[in-house]
C-alpha atoms as a PDB file:
ATOM      1  CA  UNK A   1      -2.878  10.135   4.740  1.00  0.00           C
ATOM      2  CA  UNK A   2      -1.094  11.599   1.743  1.00  0.00           C
ATOM      3  CA  UNK A   3       0.807   9.268  -0.443  1.00  0.00           C
ATOM      4  CA  UNK A   4       3.621  10.584  -2.710  1.00  0.00           C
ATOM      5  CA  UNK A   5       1.164  10.845  -5.494  1.00  0.00           C
ATOM      6  CA  UNK A   6      -0.544  13.672  -3.540  1.00  0.00           C
ATOM      7  CA  UNK A   7      -3.737  12.058  -2.789  1.00  0.00           C
ATOM      8  CA  UNK A   8      -5.392  12.760   0.551  1.00  0.00           C
ATOM      9  CA  UNK A   9      -8.077  11.202   2.653  1.00  0.00           C
ATOM     10  CA  UNK A  10     -10.287  13.218   5.101  1.00  0.00           C
ATOM     11  CA  UNK A  11     -12.361  11.773   7.840  1.00  0.00           C
ATOM     12  CA  UNK A  12     -14.687  13.712  10.220  1.00  0.00           C
ATOM     13  CA  UNK A  13     -16.189  12.658  13.494  1.00  0.00           C
ATOM     14  CA  UNK A  14     -18.824  14.249  15.673  1.00  0.00           C
ATOM     15  CA  UNK A  15     -17.686  16.923  18.157  1.00  0.00           C
ATOM     16  CA  UNK A  16     -18.822  15.088  21.237  1.00  0.00           C
ATOM     17  CA  UNK A  17     -16.656  12.031  20.626  1.00  0.00           C
ATOM     18  CA  UNK A  18     -13.573  11.474  22.891  1.00  0.00           C
ATOM     19  CA  UNK A  19     -11.865   8.894  20.842  1.00  0.00           C
ATOM     20  CA  UNK A  20     -12.226   7.401  17.314  1.00  0.00           C
ATOM     21  CA  UNK A  21     -10.914   4.585  15.432  1.00  0.00           C
ATOM     22  CA  UNK A  22     -10.307   4.320  11.667  1.00  0.00           C
ATOM     23  CA  UNK A  23      -9.286   1.531   9.626  1.00  0.00           C
ATOM     24  CA  UNK A  24      -7.531   2.153   6.300  1.00  0.00           C
ATOM     25  CA  UNK A  25      -6.680  -0.464   3.730  1.00  0.00           C
ATOM     26  CA  UNK A  26      -3.869   0.547   1.611  1.00  0.00           C
ATOM     27  CA  UNK A  27      -3.206  -1.377  -1.485  1.00  0.00           C
ATOM     28  CA  UNK A  28       0.408  -1.182  -2.955  1.00  0.00           C
ATOM     29  CA  UNK A  29       0.130  -1.210  -6.920  1.00  0.00           C
ATOM     30  CA  UNK A  30       1.240  -4.390  -8.662  1.00  0.00           C
ATOM     31  CA  UNK A  31       3.824  -4.679 -10.073  1.00  0.00           C
ATOM     32  CA  UNK A  32       5.573  -2.957  -7.287  1.00  0.00           C
ATOM     33  CA  UNK A  33       9.138  -3.727  -5.685  1.00  0.00           C
ATOM     34  CA  UNK A  34       9.008  -5.413  -2.527  1.00  0.00           C
ATOM     35  CA  UNK A  35      10.359  -3.457   0.644  1.00  0.00           C
ATOM     36  CA  UNK A  36       9.200  -0.732   2.926  1.00  0.00           C
ATOM     37  CA  UNK A  37       7.138   2.378   2.071  1.00  0.00           C
ATOM     38  CA  UNK A  38       7.306   5.010   4.752  1.00  0.00           C
ATOM     39  CA  UNK A  39       4.156   7.303   5.473  1.00  0.00           C
ATOM     40  CA  UNK A  40       3.016   9.904   7.716  1.00  0.00           C
ATOM     41  CA  UNK A  41      -0.510  10.271   8.841  1.00  0.00           C
ATOM     42  CA  UNK A  42      -1.292  13.927   9.897  1.00  0.00           C
ATOM     43  CA  UNK A  43      -4.015  14.375  12.495  1.00  0.00           C
ATOM     44  CA  UNK A  44      -6.213  17.533  12.790  1.00  0.00           C
ATOM     45  CA  UNK A  45      -8.705  18.724  15.331  1.00  0.00           C
ATOM     46  CA  UNK A  46     -11.092  21.605  14.331  1.00  0.00           C
ATOM     47  CA  UNK A  47      -8.762  22.344  11.392  1.00  0.00           C
ATOM     48  CA  UNK A  48      -5.525  22.523  13.461  1.00  0.00           C
ATOM     49  CA  UNK A  49      -2.602  20.322  13.695  1.00  0.00           C
ATOM     50  CA  UNK A  50      -3.182  17.753  16.442  1.00  0.00           C
ATOM     51  CA  UNK A  51      -0.207  15.560  15.909  1.00  0.00           C
ATOM     52  CA  UNK A  52       1.234  12.780  13.453  1.00  0.00           C
ATOM     53  CA  UNK A  53       1.836   9.253  13.199  1.00  0.00           C
ATOM     54  CA  UNK A  54       4.753   8.194  11.123  1.00  0.00           C
ATOM     55  CA  UNK A  55       4.975   4.309  10.097  1.00  0.00           C
ATOM     56  CA  UNK A  56       6.063   2.175   7.231  1.00  0.00           C
ATOM     57  CA  UNK A  57       3.981  -0.259   5.198  1.00  0.00           C
ATOM     58  CA  UNK A  58       5.941  -3.395   4.197  1.00  0.00           C
ATOM     59  CA  UNK A  59       5.286  -5.377   1.049  1.00  0.00           C
ATOM     60  CA  UNK A  60       6.657  -8.799   1.528  1.00  0.00           C
ATOM     61  CA  UNK A  61       9.424 -10.241  -0.447  1.00  0.00           C
ATOM     62  CA  UNK A  62       8.226 -11.324  -3.901  1.00  0.00           C
ATOM     63  CA  UNK A  63       9.734 -12.332  -7.082  1.00  0.00           C
ATOM     64  CA  UNK A  64       8.655 -10.448 -10.238  1.00  0.00           C
ATOM     65  CA  UNK A  65       9.034 -12.238 -13.753  1.00  0.00           C
ATOM     66  CA  UNK A  66       9.160 -11.063 -17.363  1.00  0.00           C
ATOM     67  CA  UNK A  67       9.243 -13.276 -20.337  1.00  0.00           C
ATOM     68  CA  UNK A  68       9.581 -15.434 -22.250  1.00  0.00           C
ATOM     69  CA  UNK A  69      12.091 -13.802 -24.746  1.00  0.00           C
ATOM     70  CA  UNK A  70      13.091 -15.762 -27.743  1.00  0.00           C
ATOM     71  CA  UNK A  71      16.296 -17.842 -26.769  1.00  0.00           C
ATOM     72  CA  UNK A  72      19.430 -17.202 -28.737  1.00  0.00           C
ATOM     73  CA  UNK A  73      22.707 -18.921 -29.205  1.00  0.00           C
ATOM     74  CA  UNK A  74      24.864 -17.843 -26.274  1.00  0.00           C
ATOM     75  CA  UNK A  75      21.851 -16.386 -24.607  1.00  0.00           C
ATOM     76  CA  UNK A  76      23.784 -15.621 -21.463  1.00  0.00           C
ATOM     77  CA  UNK A  77      26.086 -13.368 -23.467  1.00  0.00           C
ATOM     78  CA  UNK A  78      23.289 -11.547 -25.239  1.00  0.00           C
ATOM     79  CA  UNK A  79      22.011  -8.585 -23.686  1.00  0.00           C
ATOM     80  CA  UNK A  80      17.965  -8.413 -23.631  1.00  0.00           C
ATOM     81  CA  UNK A  81      15.891  -5.346 -23.202  1.00  0.00           C
ATOM     82  CA  UNK A  82      15.404  -5.956 -19.212  1.00  0.00           C
ATOM     83  CA  UNK A  83      19.173  -5.994 -18.901  1.00  0.00           C
ATOM     84  CA  UNK A  84      19.850  -2.417 -19.879  1.00  0.00           C
ATOM     85  CA  UNK A  85      17.769  -0.979 -17.109  1.00  0.00           C
ATOM     86  CA  UNK A  86      15.008  -2.254 -14.806  1.00  0.00           C
ATOM     87  CA  UNK A  87      11.660  -0.476 -14.946  1.00  0.00           C
ATOM     88  CA  UNK A  88       8.935  -2.591 -13.523  1.00  0.00           C
ATOM     89  CA  UNK A  89       6.426  -0.807 -15.736  1.00  0.00           C
ATOM     90  CA  UNK A  90       8.088  -1.185 -19.123  1.00  0.00           C
ATOM     91  CA  UNK A  91       6.349  -3.459 -21.785  1.00  0.00           C
ATOM     92  CA  UNK A  92       8.841  -5.556 -24.087  1.00  0.00           C
ATOM     93  CA  UNK A  93       8.335  -7.617 -27.213  1.00  0.00           C
ATOM     94  CA  UNK A  94       8.717 -11.266 -26.145  1.00  0.00           C
ATOM     95  CA  UNK A  95       8.614 -14.708 -27.792  1.00  0.00           C
ATOM     96  CA  UNK A  96       4.705 -14.565 -27.398  1.00  0.00           C
ATOM     97  CA  UNK A  97       3.977 -10.948 -27.986  1.00  0.00           C
ATOM     98  CA  UNK A  98       4.119  -8.101 -25.510  1.00  0.00           C
ATOM     99  CA  UNK A  99       5.360  -9.096 -22.015  1.00  0.00           C
ATOM    100  CA  UNK A 100       5.340  -7.075 -18.732  1.00  0.00           C
ATOM    101  CA  UNK A 101       6.741  -7.592 -15.338  1.00  0.00           C
ATOM    102  CA  UNK A 102       4.401  -9.671 -13.336  1.00  0.00           C
ATOM    103  CA  UNK A 103       4.352 -11.349 -10.018  1.00  0.00           C
ATOM    104  CA  UNK A 104       5.943 -15.047 -10.360  1.00  0.00           C
ATOM    105  CA  UNK A 105       2.946 -17.485 -10.330  1.00  0.00           C
ATOM    106  CA  UNK A 106       2.581 -19.328  -6.955  1.00  0.00           C
ATOM    107  CA  UNK A 107       3.193 -22.597  -8.997  1.00  0.00           C
ATOM    108  CA  UNK A 108       6.763 -21.673  -9.691  1.00  0.00           C
ATOM    109  CA  UNK A 109       7.509 -21.594  -6.051  1.00  0.00           C
ATOM    110  CA  UNK A 110       8.851 -24.564  -4.043  1.00  0.00           C
ATOM    111  CA  UNK A 111       8.151 -24.522  -0.286  1.00  0.00           C
ATOM    112  CA  UNK A 112      12.081 -24.701   0.267  1.00  0.00           C
ATOM    113  CA  UNK A 113      12.818 -21.301  -1.340  1.00  0.00           C
ATOM    114  CA  UNK A 114      13.688 -22.797  -4.787  1.00  0.00           C
ATOM    115  CA  UNK A 115      11.965 -21.641  -7.945  1.00  0.00           C
ATOM    116  CA  UNK A 116      10.832 -23.899 -10.824  1.00  0.00           C
ATOM    117  CA  UNK A 117      10.256 -21.977 -13.982  1.00  0.00           C
ATOM    118  CA  UNK A 118       9.521 -24.828 -16.390  1.00  0.00           C
ATOM    119  CA  UNK A 119       5.825 -23.993 -16.696  1.00  0.00           C
ATOM    120  CA  UNK A 120       6.433 -20.262 -16.820  1.00  0.00           C
ATOM    121  CA  UNK A 121       9.396 -20.388 -19.137  1.00  0.00           C
ATOM    122  CA  UNK A 122       9.108 -22.762 -22.302  1.00  0.00           C
ATOM    123  CA  UNK A 123      12.282 -24.599 -23.154  1.00  0.00           C
ATOM    124  CA  UNK A 124      14.802 -22.665 -25.390  1.00  0.00           C
ATOM    125  CA  UNK A 125      13.337 -19.119 -24.154  1.00  0.00           C
ATOM    126  CA  UNK A 126      14.891 -16.589 -21.818  1.00  0.00           C
ATOM    127  CA  UNK A 127      13.152 -14.898 -18.822  1.00  0.00           C
ATOM    128  CA  UNK A 128      14.150 -12.475 -15.991  1.00  0.00           C
ATOM    129  CA  UNK A 129      13.490 -12.559 -12.404  1.00  0.00           C
ATOM    130  CA  UNK A 130      13.433  -9.476 -10.010  1.00  0.00           C
ATOM    131  CA  UNK A 131      13.309  -8.946  -6.264  1.00  0.00           C
ATOM    132  CA  UNK A 132      14.360  -6.442  -3.659  1.00  0.00           C
ATOM    133  CA  UNK A 133      15.944  -7.474  -0.338  1.00  0.00           C
ATOM    134  CA  UNK A 134      16.065  -4.712   2.039  1.00  0.00           C
ATOM    135  CA  UNK A 135      18.503  -4.418   4.687  1.00  0.00           C
ATOM    136  CA  UNK A 136      18.482  -1.695   7.331  1.00  0.00           C
ATOM    137  CA  UNK A 137      22.456  -1.376   7.132  1.00  0.00           C
ATOM    138  CA  UNK A 138      25.005  -2.130   4.653  1.00  0.00           C
ATOM    139  CA  UNK A 139      26.371  -5.415   5.198  1.00  0.00           C
ATOM    140  CA  UNK A 140      27.771  -8.686   3.546  1.00  0.00           C
ATOM    141  CA  UNK A 141      25.501 -11.573   3.452  1.00  0.00           C
ATOM    142  CA  UNK A 142      25.750 -15.019   2.117  1.00  0.00           C
ATOM    143  CA  UNK A 143      23.790 -16.342  -0.990  1.00  0.00           C
ATOM    144  CA  UNK A 144      23.220 -19.779  -2.225  1.00  0.00           C
ATOM    145  CA  UNK A 145      22.845 -19.928  -6.060  1.00  0.00           C
ATOM    146  CA  UNK A 146      22.154 -23.019  -8.095  1.00  0.00           C
ATOM    147  CA  UNK A 147      20.614 -23.720 -11.345  1.00  0.00           C
ATOM    148  CA  UNK A 148      20.203 -26.814 -13.725  1.00  0.00           C
ATOM    149  CA  UNK A 149      19.793 -24.493 -16.685  1.00  0.00           C
ATOM    150  CA  UNK A 150      22.088 -21.620 -17.837  1.00  0.00           C
ATOM    151  CA  UNK A 151      21.671 -18.636 -15.469  1.00  0.00           C
ATOM    152  CA  UNK A 152      23.046 -15.386 -14.091  1.00  0.00           C
ATOM    153  CA  UNK A 153      22.849 -13.862 -10.824  1.00  0.00           C
ATOM    154  CA  UNK A 154      23.181 -10.037 -10.367  1.00  0.00           C
ATOM    155  CA  UNK A 155      23.121  -8.233  -7.037  1.00  0.00           C
ATOM    156  CA  UNK A 156      22.874  -4.358  -7.164  1.00  0.00           C
ATOM    157  CA  UNK A 157      23.571  -4.514 -10.941  1.00  0.00           C
ATOM    158  CA  UNK A 158      26.917  -6.522 -10.400  1.00  0.00           C
ATOM    159  CA  UNK A 159      27.331 -10.241 -11.826  1.00  0.00           C
ATOM    160  CA  UNK A 160      27.751 -12.405  -8.831  1.00  0.00           C
ATOM    161  CA  UNK A 161      27.463 -15.871 -10.380  1.00  0.00           C
ATOM    162  CA  UNK A 162      27.033 -17.838 -13.548  1.00  0.00           C
ATOM    163  CA  UNK A 163      25.707 -21.121 -13.982  1.00  0.00           C
ATOM    164  CA  UNK A 164      26.555 -23.114 -17.186  1.00  0.00           C
ATOM    165  CA  UNK A 165      23.464 -25.255 -16.896  1.00  0.00           C
ATOM    166  CA  UNK A 166      25.242 -28.720 -16.636  1.00  0.00           C
ATOM    167  CA  UNK A 167      22.158 -30.243 -14.891  1.00  0.00           C
ATOM    168  CA  UNK A 168      23.881 -29.791 -11.509  1.00  0.00           C
ATOM    169  CA  UNK A 169      22.073 -28.038  -8.883  1.00  0.00           C
ATOM    170  CA  UNK A 170      24.728 -28.194  -6.170  1.00  0.00           C
ATOM    171  CA  UNK A 171      24.585 -24.807  -4.658  1.00  0.00           C
ATOM    172  CA  UNK A 172      27.450 -22.236  -4.895  1.00  0.00           C
ATOM    173  CA  UNK A 173      27.892 -19.891  -1.979  1.00  0.00           C
ATOM    174  CA  UNK A 174      28.739 -16.320  -2.678  1.00  0.00           C
ATOM    175  CA  UNK A 175      29.111 -13.268  -0.293  1.00  0.00           C
ATOM    176  CA  UNK A 176      27.295 -10.196  -1.459  1.00  0.00           C
ATOM    177  CA  UNK A 177      27.185  -6.567  -0.306  1.00  0.00           C
ATOM    178  CA  UNK A 178      23.812  -5.571   0.621  1.00  0.00           C
ATOM    179  CA  UNK A 179      23.030  -1.765   0.443  1.00  0.00           C
END
């Protein structure tokens, strides 16, 4: 196995064995965007290529969070550092010191797919969520968006929806283009 970073793993077996099995545990670093990661396993016998196995690892859908940042008047119209470009390894100066992208805690997820950021995001502060939804083809898909606090929804860098935070959580339906 030779990941992009160039590391490789070599295993040997006795010459008289007709078959072998090897278990590999591959960890995707955190934070890391969800999605698929293709890899190729090259097999050699006596130093000669004997074949390849191509596959994909899949890291499940996961929300990443960064914040809190100090809230400002008209925060939705203020550009915060994570909005200029998304780099999941960046460190920012937030309301409580240095903040980095981290997996959203399980306590912020509700079983029906909603997110409750109250304990993660103190009142009057600003935070950012990020995820990747992978599509095998370009397509239009419906998305439901609702927030009882001011919020923006971006898809592929385009502003899709804006919530004024009027304590109404009636979902709005939007069509988005997945790449």
